[in-house]
Amino acid sequence: MGRPFDVTAVQWLRHVHHVPSPSPLQAGESSVNKLAAQVGVRMSAVYYWIEHGQLVARRTATGRLCVPYTLEVEAACRKRISDSRHMNLTVTVED
Protein backbone atom coordinates (compact mmCIF):
# COMPACT_ATOMS: atom_id res chain seq x y z
CA MET A 1 0.00 0.00 0.00
CA GLY A 2 3.06 2.24 -0.04
CA ARG A 3 3.08 2.86 3.71
CA PRO A 4 6.26 2.29 5.71
CA PHE A 5 6.29 -0.58 8.17
CA ASP A 6 6.78 1.51 11.28
CA VAL A 7 5.55 1.55 14.90
CA THR A 8 2.14 2.87 13.91
CA ALA A 9 1.71 0.07 11.36
CA VAL A 10 2.66 -2.55 13.95
CA GLN A 11 0.23 -1.06 16.47
CA TRP A 12 -2.54 -1.16 13.88
CA LEU A 13 -1.81 -4.78 12.98
CA ARG A 14 -1.82 -5.76 16.66
CA HIS A 15 -5.16 -3.99 17.10
CA VAL A 16 -6.82 -5.50 14.01
CA HIS A 17 -5.65 -9.05 14.73
CA HIS A 18 -6.03 -8.85 18.54
CA VAL A 19 -2.36 -9.60 19.17
CA PRO A 20 -1.33 -8.53 22.70
CA SER A 21 1.82 -6.52 23.19
CA PRO A 22 4.71 -8.36 24.81
CA SER A 23 5.04 -7.80 28.53
CA PRO A 24 7.85 -5.43 29.52
CA LEU A 25 8.26 -7.34 32.78
CA GLN A 26 11.07 -9.82 33.14
CA ALA A 27 10.88 -12.87 35.39
CA GLY A 28 10.64 -11.83 39.04
CA GLU A 29 9.51 -8.28 38.29
CA SER A 30 6.29 -6.51 39.13
CA SER A 31 4.62 -3.37 37.82
CA VAL A 32 4.10 -0.40 40.11
CA ASN A 33 0.35 -1.01 40.08
CA LYS A 34 0.68 -4.68 40.98
CA LEU A 35 3.26 -4.02 43.71
CA ALA A 36 1.03 -1.36 45.27
CA ALA A 37 -1.89 -3.80 45.33
CA GLN A 38 0.24 -6.61 46.77
CA VAL A 39 1.48 -4.58 49.73
CA GLY A 40 -1.71 -2.55 50.19
CA VAL A 41 -0.57 0.99 49.41
CA ARG A 42 -1.34 3.57 46.76
CA MET A 43 0.70 3.70 43.59
CA SER A 44 1.92 7.16 44.59
CA ALA A 45 3.67 5.61 47.61
CA VAL A 46 5.55 3.17 45.37
CA TYR A 47 6.53 6.01 43.02
CA TYR A 48 7.75 7.99 46.07
CA TRP A 49 9.88 5.06 47.24
CA ILE A 50 11.42 4.74 43.77
CA GLU A 51 12.07 8.49 43.41
CA HIS A 52 13.74 8.65 46.83
CA GLY A 53 15.95 5.58 46.31
CA GLN A 54 14.10 3.38 48.78
CA LEU A 55 13.06 0.95 46.06
CA VAL A 56 14.99 -0.12 42.96
CA ALA A 57 13.22 -0.07 39.60
CA ARG A 58 14.14 -0.51 35.96
CA ARG A 59 12.69 1.77 33.29
CA THR A 60 11.84 0.12 29.97
CA ALA A 61 12.37 1.69 26.56
CA THR A 62 8.71 2.74 26.59
CA GLY A 63 9.07 4.40 30.00
CA ARG A 64 7.33 1.82 32.20
CA LEU A 65 8.81 1.03 35.61
CA CYS A 66 9.52 -2.59 36.49
CA VAL A 67 10.30 -3.41 40.12
CA PRO A 68 12.22 -6.56 41.06
CA TYR A 69 9.83 -8.34 43.43
CA THR A 70 11.38 -10.74 45.91
CA LEU A 71 10.48 -11.76 49.44
CA GLU A 72 13.11 -9.30 50.71
CA VAL A 73 11.56 -6.42 48.74
CA GLU A 74 8.10 -7.30 50.04
CA ALA A 75 9.41 -7.47 53.64
CA ALA A 76 11.16 -4.10 53.23
CA CYS A 77 7.97 -2.53 51.85
CA ARG A 78 5.87 -3.92 54.69
CA LYS A 79 8.42 -2.67 57.25
CA ARG A 80 8.41 0.76 55.62
CA ILE A 81 4.60 0.78 55.89
CA SER A 82 4.57 -0.30 59.54
CA ASP A 83 7.23 2.29 60.43
CA SER A 84 5.38 5.10 58.68
CA ARG A 85 3.27 7.55 60.64
CA HIS A 86 1.28 8.38 57.50
CA MET A 87 0.43 4.92 56.17
CA ASN A 88 -0.25 3.37 59.53
CA LEU A 89 -3.48 5.20 60.32
CA THR A 90 -6.54 3.09 60.99
CA VAL A 91 -10.02 4.51 61.05
CA THR A 92 -12.68 2.92 63.21
CA VAL A 93 -16.34 3.42 62.51
CA GLU A 94 -18.74 3.25 65.40
CA ASP A 95 -22.45 2.55 64.93
PDB file of N, CA and C in Angstrom:
ATOM      1  N   MET A   1       0.829  -1.206   0.000  1.00  0.00           N
ATOM      2  CA  MET A   1       0.000   0.000   0.000  1.00  0.00           C
ATOM      3  C   MET A   1       0.863   1.257   0.000  1.00  0.00           C
ATOM      4  N   GLY A   2       2.184   1.087   0.019  1.00  0.00           N
ATOM      5  CA  GLY A   2       3.059   2.240  -0.038  1.00  0.00           C
ATOM      6  C   GLY A   2       3.382   2.852   1.313  1.00  0.00           C
ATOM      7  N   ARG A   3       2.793   2.328   2.375  1.00  0.00           N
ATOM      8  CA  ARG A   3       3.079   2.862   3.709  1.00  0.00           C
ATOM      9  C   ARG A   3       4.307   2.175   4.285  1.00  0.00           C
ATOM     10  N   PRO A   4       5.096   2.920   5.074  1.00  0.00           N
ATOM     11  CA  PRO A   4       6.257   2.289   5.712  1.00  0.00           C
ATOM     12  C   PRO A   4       5.802   1.372   6.847  1.00  0.00           C
ATOM     13  N   PHE A   5       6.585   0.349   7.088  1.00  0.00           N
ATOM     14  CA  PHE A   5       6.292  -0.583   8.173  1.00  0.00           C
ATOM     15  C   PHE A   5       6.966  -0.026   9.428  1.00  0.00           C
ATOM     16  N   ASP A   6       6.232   0.841  10.116  1.00  0.00           N
ATOM     17  CA  ASP A   6       6.778   1.512  11.283  1.00  0.00           C
ATOM     18  C   ASP A   6       5.977   1.141  12.533  1.00  0.00           C
ATOM     19  N   VAL A   7       6.215   1.851  13.630  1.00  0.00           N
ATOM     20  CA  VAL A   7       5.552   1.552  14.904  1.00  0.00           C
ATOM     21  C   VAL A   7       4.040   1.668  14.769  1.00  0.00           C
ATOM     22  N   THR A   8       3.577   2.686  14.085  1.00  0.00           N
ATOM     23  CA  THR A   8       2.138   2.871  13.906  1.00  0.00           C
ATOM     24  C   THR A   8       1.522   1.702  13.149  1.00  0.00           C
ATOM     25  N   ALA A   9       2.210   1.211  12.129  1.00  0.00           N
ATOM     26  CA  ALA A   9       1.710   0.070  11.365  1.00  0.00           C
ATOM     27  C   ALA A   9       1.649  -1.179  12.235  1.00  0.00           C
ATOM     28  N   VAL A  10       2.655  -1.389  13.053  1.00  0.00           N
ATOM     29  CA  VAL A  10       2.665  -2.553  13.948  1.00  0.00           C
ATOM     30  C   VAL A  10       1.526  -2.447  14.958  1.00  0.00           C
ATOM     31  N   GLN A  11       1.332  -1.254  15.517  1.00  0.00           N
ATOM     32  CA  GLN A  11       0.234  -1.063  16.469  1.00  0.00           C
ATOM     33  C   GLN A  11      -1.115  -1.361  15.818  1.00  0.00           C
ATOM     34  N   TRP A  12      -1.282  -0.910  14.586  1.00  0.00           N
ATOM     35  CA  TRP A  12      -2.539  -1.157  13.881  1.00  0.00           C
ATOM     36  C   TRP A  12      -2.741  -2.656  13.636  1.00  0.00           C
ATOM     37  N   LEU A  13      -1.702  -3.341  13.206  1.00  0.00           N
ATOM     38  CA  LEU A  13      -1.806  -4.782  12.977  1.00  0.00           C
ATOM     39  C   LEU A  13      -2.142  -5.527  14.270  1.00  0.00           C
ATOM     40  N   ARG A  14      -1.507  -5.141  15.372  1.00  0.00           N
ATOM     41  CA  ARG A  14      -1.819  -5.762  16.661  1.00  0.00           C
ATOM     42  C   ARG A  14      -3.287  -5.530  17.024  1.00  0.00           C
ATOM     43  N   HIS A  15      -3.773  -4.327  16.789  1.00  0.00           N
ATOM     44  CA  HIS A  15      -5.161  -3.989  17.096  1.00  0.00           C
ATOM     45  C   HIS A  15      -6.137  -4.800  16.244  1.00  0.00           C
ATOM     46  N   VAL A  16      -5.903  -4.820  14.948  1.00  0.00           N
ATOM     47  CA  VAL A  16      -6.817  -5.498  14.014  1.00  0.00           C
ATOM     48  C   VAL A  16      -6.866  -7.002  14.277  1.00  0.00           C
ATOM     49  N   HIS A  17      -5.722  -7.599  14.568  1.00  0.00           N
ATOM     50  CA  HIS A  17      -5.648  -9.054  14.726  1.00  0.00           C
ATOM     51  C   HIS A  17      -5.654  -9.500  16.196  1.00  0.00           C
ATOM     52  N   HIS A  18      -5.922  -8.559  17.100  1.00  0.00           N
ATOM     53  CA  HIS A  18      -6.027  -8.852  18.542  1.00  0.00           C
ATOM     54  C   HIS A  18      -4.783  -9.563  19.077  1.00  0.00           C
ATOM     55  N   VAL A  19      -3.621  -9.052  18.705  1.00  0.00           N
ATOM     56  CA  VAL A  19      -2.358  -9.604  19.174  1.00  0.00           C
ATOM     57  C   VAL A  19      -1.891  -8.754  20.352  1.00  0.00           C
ATOM     58  N   PRO A  20      -1.752  -9.339  21.548  1.00  0.00           N
ATOM     59  CA  PRO A  20      -1.328  -8.534  22.697  1.00  0.00           C
ATOM     60  C   PRO A  20       0.134  -8.115  22.576  1.00  0.00           C
ATOM     61  N   SER A  21       0.439  -6.984  23.162  1.00  0.00           N
ATOM     62  CA  SER A  21       1.825  -6.517  23.192  1.00  0.00           C
ATOM     63  C   SER A  21       2.623  -7.394  24.148  1.00  0.00           C
ATOM     64  N   PRO A  22       3.901  -7.572  23.881  1.00  0.00           N
ATOM     65  CA  PRO A  22       4.711  -8.361  24.809  1.00  0.00           C
ATOM     66  C   PRO A  22       4.846  -7.632  26.146  1.00  0.00           C
ATOM     67  N   SER A  23       4.917  -8.384  27.202  1.00  0.00           N
ATOM     68  CA  SER A  23       5.042  -7.802  28.532  1.00  0.00           C
ATOM     69  C   SER A  23       6.445  -7.224  28.718  1.00  0.00           C
ATOM     70  N   PRO A  24       6.529  -6.009  29.267  1.00  0.00           N
ATOM     71  CA  PRO A  24       7.854  -5.433  29.518  1.00  0.00           C
ATOM     72  C   PRO A  24       8.508  -6.032  30.757  1.00  0.00           C
ATOM     73  N   LEU A  25       7.741  -6.782  31.538  1.00  0.00           N
ATOM     74  CA  LEU A  25       8.257  -7.339  32.783  1.00  0.00           C
ATOM     75  C   LEU A  25       9.109  -8.573  32.523  1.00  0.00           C
ATOM     76  N   GLN A  26      10.234  -8.631  33.196  1.00  0.00           N
ATOM     77  CA  GLN A  26      11.073  -9.822  33.142  1.00  0.00           C
ATOM     78  C   GLN A  26      10.674 -10.729  34.298  1.00  0.00           C
ATOM     79  N   ALA A  27      11.199 -11.925  34.318  1.00  0.00           N
ATOM     80  CA  ALA A  27      10.883 -12.869  35.390  1.00  0.00           C
ATOM     81  C   ALA A  27      11.275 -12.264  36.737  1.00  0.00           C
ATOM     82  N   GLY A  28      10.366 -12.341  37.696  1.00  0.00           N
ATOM     83  CA  GLY A  28      10.636 -11.829  39.036  1.00  0.00           C
ATOM     84  C   GLY A  28      10.391 -10.340  39.201  1.00  0.00           C
ATOM     85  N   GLU A  29       9.801  -9.703  38.200  1.00  0.00           N
ATOM     86  CA  GLU A  29       9.513  -8.284  38.292  1.00  0.00           C
ATOM     87  C   GLU A  29       8.016  -8.051  38.417  1.00  0.00           C
ATOM     88  N   SER A  30       7.677  -6.891  38.951  1.00  0.00           N
ATOM     89  CA  SER A  30       6.294  -6.509  39.130  1.00  0.00           C
ATOM     90  C   SER A  30       6.110  -5.083  38.630  1.00  0.00           C
ATOM     91  N   SER A  31       4.905  -4.748  38.204  1.00  0.00           N
ATOM     92  CA  SER A  31       4.618  -3.373  37.823  1.00  0.00           C
ATOM     93  C   SER A  31       4.342  -2.568  39.086  1.00  0.00           C
ATOM     94  N   VAL A  32       4.372  -1.269  38.974  1.00  0.00           N
ATOM     95  CA  VAL A  32       4.099  -0.399  40.115  1.00  0.00           C
ATOM     96  C   VAL A  32       2.680  -0.652  40.622  1.00  0.00           C
ATOM     97  N   ASN A  33       1.740  -0.773  39.716  1.00  0.00           N
ATOM     98  CA  ASN A  33       0.347  -1.008  40.083  1.00  0.00           C
ATOM     99  C   ASN A  33       0.181  -2.322  40.846  1.00  0.00           C
ATOM    100  N   LYS A  34       0.789  -3.364  40.351  1.00  0.00           N
ATOM    101  CA  LYS A  34       0.677  -4.677  40.981  1.00  0.00           C
ATOM    102  C   LYS A  34       1.370  -4.697  42.344  1.00  0.00           C
ATOM    103  N   LEU A  35       2.542  -4.076  42.440  1.00  0.00           N
ATOM    104  CA  LEU A  35       3.260  -4.015  43.709  1.00  0.00           C
ATOM    105  C   LEU A  35       2.440  -3.265  44.750  1.00  0.00           C
ATOM    106  N   ALA A  36       1.855  -2.143  44.349  1.00  0.00           N
ATOM    107  CA  ALA A  36       1.032  -1.361  45.274  1.00  0.00           C
ATOM    108  C   ALA A  36      -0.134  -2.195  45.794  1.00  0.00           C
ATOM    109  N   ALA A  37      -0.774  -2.953  44.911  1.00  0.00           N
ATOM    110  CA  ALA A  37      -1.893  -3.801  45.326  1.00  0.00           C
ATOM    111  C   ALA A  37      -1.422  -4.926  46.246  1.00  0.00           C
ATOM    112  N   GLN A  38      -0.258  -5.481  45.975  1.00  0.00           N
ATOM    113  CA  GLN A  38       0.239  -6.607  46.770  1.00  0.00           C
ATOM    114  C   GLN A  38       0.593  -6.204  48.195  1.00  0.00           C
ATOM    115  N   VAL A  39       1.117  -4.997  48.380  1.00  0.00           N
ATOM    116  CA  VAL A  39       1.485  -4.580  49.735  1.00  0.00           C
ATOM    117  C   VAL A  39       0.441  -3.672  50.374  1.00  0.00           C
ATOM    118  N   GLY A  40      -0.597  -3.315  49.621  1.00  0.00           N
ATOM    119  CA  GLY A  40      -1.713  -2.554  50.186  1.00  0.00           C
ATOM    120  C   GLY A  40      -1.471  -1.070  50.345  1.00  0.00           C
ATOM    121  N   VAL A  41      -0.780  -0.459  49.384  1.00  0.00           N
ATOM    122  CA  VAL A  41      -0.568   0.992  49.411  1.00  0.00           C
ATOM    123  C   VAL A  41      -1.003   1.585  48.080  1.00  0.00           C
ATOM    124  N   ARG A  42      -1.012   2.896  48.024  1.00  0.00           N
ATOM    125  CA  ARG A  42      -1.339   3.568  46.761  1.00  0.00           C
ATOM    126  C   ARG A  42      -0.121   3.552  45.840  1.00  0.00           C
ATOM    127  N   MET A  43      -0.388   3.673  44.565  1.00  0.00           N
ATOM    128  CA  MET A  43       0.704   3.701  43.586  1.00  0.00           C
ATOM    129  C   MET A  43       1.633   4.882  43.844  1.00  0.00           C
ATOM    130  N   SER A  44       1.086   5.987  44.331  1.00  0.00           N
ATOM    131  CA  SER A  44       1.915   7.165  44.590  1.00  0.00           C
ATOM    132  C   SER A  44       2.978   6.867  45.645  1.00  0.00           C
ATOM    133  N   ALA A  45       2.676   5.995  46.597  1.00  0.00           N
ATOM    134  CA  ALA A  45       3.668   5.612  47.615  1.00  0.00           C
ATOM    135  C   ALA A  45       4.819   4.846  46.973  1.00  0.00           C
ATOM    136  N   VAL A  46       4.506   3.953  46.051  1.00  0.00           N
ATOM    137  CA  VAL A  46       5.547   3.175  45.368  1.00  0.00           C
ATOM    138  C   VAL A  46       6.405   4.108  44.516  1.00  0.00           C
ATOM    139  N   TYR A  47       5.768   5.038  43.799  1.00  0.00           N
ATOM    140  CA  TYR A  47       6.535   6.013  43.016  1.00  0.00           C
ATOM    141  C   TYR A  47       7.437   6.839  43.932  1.00  0.00           C
ATOM    142  N   TYR A  48       6.951   7.225  45.104  1.00  0.00           N
ATOM    143  CA  TYR A  48       7.747   7.989  46.066  1.00  0.00           C
ATOM    144  C   TYR A  48       8.967   7.181  46.492  1.00  0.00           C
ATOM    145  N   TRP A  49       8.772   5.918  46.825  1.00  0.00           N
ATOM    146  CA  TRP A  49       9.879   5.057  47.237  1.00  0.00           C
ATOM    147  C   TRP A  49      10.936   4.960  46.142  1.00  0.00           C
ATOM    148  N   ILE A  50      10.485   4.836  44.897  1.00  0.00           N
ATOM    149  CA  ILE A  50      11.418   4.739  43.767  1.00  0.00           C
ATOM    150  C   ILE A  50      12.175   6.050  43.594  1.00  0.00           C
ATOM    151  N   GLU A  51      11.448   7.176  43.610  1.00  0.00           N
ATOM    152  CA  GLU A  51      12.074   8.486  43.406  1.00  0.00           C
ATOM    153  C   GLU A  51      13.087   8.827  44.494  1.00  0.00           C
ATOM    154  N   HIS A  52      12.858   8.325  45.714  1.00  0.00           N
ATOM    155  CA  HIS A  52      13.738   8.648  46.831  1.00  0.00           C
ATOM    156  C   HIS A  52      14.753   7.546  47.123  1.00  0.00           C
ATOM    157  N   GLY A  53      14.914   6.606  46.193  1.00  0.00           N
ATOM    158  CA  GLY A  53      15.953   5.583  46.306  1.00  0.00           C
ATOM    159  C   GLY A  53      15.677   4.507  47.341  1.00  0.00           C
ATOM    160  N   GLN A  54      14.446   4.394  47.799  1.00  0.00           N
ATOM    161  CA  GLN A  54      14.096   3.377  48.783  1.00  0.00           C
ATOM    162  C   GLN A  54      13.684   2.064  48.121  1.00  0.00           C
ATOM    163  N   LEU A  55      13.474   2.121  46.816  1.00  0.00           N
ATOM    164  CA  LEU A  55      13.061   0.949  46.057  1.00  0.00           C
ATOM    165  C   LEU A  55      13.711   1.024  44.688  1.00  0.00           C
ATOM    166  N   VAL A  56      14.302  -0.078  44.249  1.00  0.00           N
ATOM    167  CA  VAL A  56      14.989  -0.120  42.961  1.00  0.00           C
ATOM    168  C   VAL A  56      13.977  -0.461  41.870  1.00  0.00           C
ATOM    169  N   ALA A  57      14.091   0.216  40.735  1.00  0.00           N
ATOM    170  CA  ALA A  57      13.218  -0.066  39.603  1.00  0.00           C
ATOM    171  C   ALA A  57      13.999   0.110  38.310  1.00  0.00           C
ATOM    172  N   ARG A  58      13.534  -0.591  37.295  1.00  0.00           N
ATOM    173  CA  ARG A  58      14.142  -0.510  35.965  1.00  0.00           C
ATOM    174  C   ARG A  58      13.130   0.146  35.038  1.00  0.00           C
ATOM    175  N   ARG A  59      13.569   1.108  34.249  1.00  0.00           N
ATOM    176  CA  ARG A  59      12.686   1.768  33.293  1.00  0.00           C
ATOM    177  C   ARG A  59      12.871   1.129  31.923  1.00  0.00           C
ATOM    178  N   THR A  60      11.779   0.742  31.295  1.00  0.00           N
ATOM    179  CA  THR A  60      11.836   0.121  29.971  1.00  0.00           C
ATOM    180  C   THR A  60      12.016   1.193  28.900  1.00  0.00           C
ATOM    181  N   ALA A  61      12.205   0.754  27.683  1.00  0.00           N
ATOM    182  CA  ALA A  61      12.371   1.687  26.560  1.00  0.00           C
ATOM    183  C   ALA A  61      11.120   2.528  26.343  1.00  0.00           C
ATOM    184  N   THR A  62       9.967   2.007  26.743  1.00  0.00           N
ATOM    185  CA  THR A  62       8.713   2.745  26.594  1.00  0.00           C
ATOM    186  C   THR A  62       8.394   3.596  27.814  1.00  0.00           C
ATOM    187  N   GLY A  63       9.254   3.544  28.844  1.00  0.00           N
ATOM    188  CA  GLY A  63       9.069   4.396  29.999  1.00  0.00           C
ATOM    189  C   GLY A  63       8.392   3.751  31.198  1.00  0.00           C
ATOM    190  N   ARG A  64       7.990   2.493  31.076  1.00  0.00           N
ATOM    191  CA  ARG A  64       7.329   1.819  32.202  1.00  0.00           C
ATOM    192  C   ARG A  64       8.361   1.425  33.246  1.00  0.00           C
ATOM    193  N   LEU A  65       7.938   1.435  34.513  1.00  0.00           N
ATOM    194  CA  LEU A  65       8.808   1.031  35.606  1.00  0.00           C
ATOM    195  C   LEU A  65       8.539  -0.426  35.968  1.00  0.00           C
ATOM    196  N   CYS A  66       9.601  -1.186  36.103  1.00  0.00           N
ATOM    197  CA  CYS A  66       9.518  -2.590  36.490  1.00  0.00           C
ATOM    198  C   CYS A  66      10.329  -2.759  37.770  1.00  0.00           C
ATOM    199  N   VAL A  67       9.667  -3.280  38.807  1.00  0.00           N
ATOM    200  CA  VAL A  67      10.295  -3.411  40.119  1.00  0.00           C
ATOM    201  C   VAL A  67      10.629  -4.872  40.376  1.00  0.00           C
ATOM    202  N   PRO A  68      11.897  -5.183  40.673  1.00  0.00           N
ATOM    203  CA  PRO A  68      12.219  -6.559  41.058  1.00  0.00           C
ATOM    204  C   PRO A  68      11.448  -6.897  42.331  1.00  0.00           C
ATOM    205  N   TYR A  69      10.703  -7.994  42.300  1.00  0.00           N
ATOM    206  CA  TYR A  69       9.835  -8.336  43.431  1.00  0.00           C
ATOM    207  C   TYR A  69      10.277  -9.662  44.035  1.00  0.00           C
ATOM    208  N   THR A  70      10.939  -9.555  45.178  1.00  0.00           N
ATOM    209  CA  THR A  70      11.383 -10.736  45.907  1.00  0.00           C
ATOM    210  C   THR A  70      10.770 -10.688  47.303  1.00  0.00           C
ATOM    211  N   LEU A  71      10.986 -11.735  48.062  1.00  0.00           N
ATOM    212  CA  LEU A  71      10.484 -11.755  49.439  1.00  0.00           C
ATOM    213  C   LEU A  71      11.134 -10.647  50.267  1.00  0.00           C
ATOM    214  N   GLU A  72      12.410 -10.357  49.982  1.00  0.00           N
ATOM    215  CA  GLU A  72      13.110  -9.301  50.710  1.00  0.00           C
ATOM    216  C   GLU A  72      12.507  -7.933  50.397  1.00  0.00           C
ATOM    217  N   VAL A  73      12.166  -7.701  49.138  1.00  0.00           N
ATOM    218  CA  VAL A  73      11.561  -6.425  48.742  1.00  0.00           C
ATOM    219  C   VAL A  73      10.197  -6.282  49.407  1.00  0.00           C
ATOM    220  N   GLU A  74       9.421  -7.352  49.397  1.00  0.00           N
ATOM    221  CA  GLU A  74       8.104  -7.304  50.044  1.00  0.00           C
ATOM    222  C   GLU A  74       8.250  -7.023  51.532  1.00  0.00           C
ATOM    223  N   ALA A  75       9.189  -7.688  52.199  1.00  0.00           N
ATOM    224  CA  ALA A  75       9.405  -7.472  53.635  1.00  0.00           C
ATOM    225  C   ALA A  75       9.834  -6.022  53.902  1.00  0.00           C
ATOM    226  N   ALA A  76      10.711  -5.485  53.057  1.00  0.00           N
ATOM    227  CA  ALA A  76      11.157  -4.100  53.233  1.00  0.00           C
ATOM    228  C   ALA A  76       9.999  -3.124  53.047  1.00  0.00           C
ATOM    229  N   CYS A  77       9.138  -3.386  52.082  1.00  0.00           N
ATOM    230  CA  CYS A  77       7.970  -2.525  51.853  1.00  0.00           C
ATOM    231  C   CYS A  77       7.027  -2.581  53.048  1.00  0.00           C
ATOM    232  N   ARG A  78       6.770  -3.776  53.539  1.00  0.00           N
ATOM    233  CA  ARG A  78       5.870  -3.921  54.695  1.00  0.00           C
ATOM    234  C   ARG A  78       6.464  -3.256  55.941  1.00  0.00           C
ATOM    235  N   LYS A  79       7.779  -3.338  56.122  1.00  0.00           N
ATOM    236  CA  LYS A  79       8.420  -2.665  57.251  1.00  0.00           C
ATOM    237  C   LYS A  79       8.303  -1.155  57.097  1.00  0.00           C
ATOM    238  N   ARG A  80       8.523  -0.669  55.886  1.00  0.00           N
ATOM    239  CA  ARG A  80       8.405   0.762  55.620  1.00  0.00           C
ATOM    240  C   ARG A  80       6.991   1.244  55.934  1.00  0.00           C
ATOM    241  N   ILE A  81       5.995   0.432  55.612  1.00  0.00           N
ATOM    242  CA  ILE A  81       4.598   0.784  55.887  1.00  0.00           C
ATOM    243  C   ILE A  81       4.348   0.803  57.390  1.00  0.00           C
ATOM    244  N   SER A  82       4.816  -0.229  58.093  1.00  0.00           N
ATOM    245  CA  SER A  82       4.567  -0.300  59.537  1.00  0.00           C
ATOM    246  C   SER A  82       5.308   0.791  60.299  1.00  0.00           C
ATOM    247  N   ASP A  83       6.463   1.236  59.787  1.00  0.00           N
ATOM    248  CA  ASP A  83       7.233   2.294  60.434  1.00  0.00           C
ATOM    249  C   ASP A  83       6.713   3.691  60.111  1.00  0.00           C
ATOM    250  N   SER A  84       5.854   3.797  59.129  1.00  0.00           N
ATOM    251  CA  SER A  84       5.384   5.098  58.683  1.00  0.00           C
ATOM    252  C   SER A  84       4.274   5.631  59.595  1.00  0.00           C
ATOM    253  N   ARG A  85       4.346   6.916  59.871  1.00  0.00           N
ATOM    254  CA  ARG A  85       3.274   7.554  60.640  1.00  0.00           C
ATOM    255  C   ARG A  85       2.102   7.888  59.734  1.00  0.00           C
ATOM    256  N   HIS A  86       2.323   7.980  58.430  1.00  0.00           N
ATOM    257  CA  HIS A  86       1.279   8.376  57.502  1.00  0.00           C
ATOM    258  C   HIS A  86       0.471   7.199  56.971  1.00  0.00           C
ATOM    259  N   MET A  87       1.118   6.069  56.755  1.00  0.00           N
ATOM    260  CA  MET A  87       0.434   4.917  56.171  1.00  0.00           C
ATOM    261  C   MET A  87      -0.180   4.006  57.229  1.00  0.00           C
ATOM    262  N   ASN A  88       0.128   4.270  58.462  1.00  0.00           N
ATOM    263  CA  ASN A  88      -0.245   3.374  59.533  1.00  0.00           C
ATOM    264  C   ASN A  88      -1.578   3.725  60.181  1.00  0.00           C
ATOM    265  N   LEU A  89      -2.254   4.728  59.687  1.00  0.00           N
ATOM    266  CA  LEU A  89      -3.478   5.204  60.317  1.00  0.00           C
ATOM    267  C   LEU A  89      -4.627   4.230  60.074  1.00  0.00           C
ATOM    268  N   THR A  90      -5.347   3.919  61.120  1.00  0.00           N
ATOM    269  CA  THR A  90      -6.540   3.091  60.993  1.00  0.00           C
ATOM    270  C   THR A  90      -7.734   3.908  61.439  1.00  0.00           C
ATOM    271  N   VAL A  91      -8.809   3.770  60.729  1.00  0.00           N
ATOM    272  CA  VAL A  91     -10.021   4.509  61.051  1.00  0.00           C
ATOM    273  C   VAL A  91     -11.048   3.510  61.539  1.00  0.00           C
ATOM    274  N   THR A  92     -11.624   3.790  62.689  1.00  0.00           N
ATOM    275  CA  THR A  92     -12.677   2.921  63.208  1.00  0.00           C
ATOM    276  C   THR A  92     -14.011   3.624  63.066  1.00  0.00           C
ATOM    277  N   VAL A  93     -14.999   2.881  62.690  1.00  0.00           N
ATOM    278  CA  VAL A  93     -16.342   3.421  62.511  1.00  0.00           C
ATOM    279  C   VAL A  93     -17.230   2.837  63.604  1.00  0.00           C
ATOM    280  N   GLU A  94     -17.857   3.703  64.347  1.00  0.00           N
ATOM    281  CA  GLU A  94     -18.745   3.253  65.401  1.00  0.00           C
ATOM    282  C   GLU A  94     -20.177   3.416  64.943  1.00  0.00           C
ATOM    283  N   ASP A  95     -21.027   2.472  65.315  1.00  0.00           N
ATOM    284  CA  ASP A  95     -22.449   2.547  64.932  1.00  0.00           C
ATOM    285  C   ASP A  95     -23.203   3.470  65.840  1.00  0.00           C
TER     286      ASP A  95
END
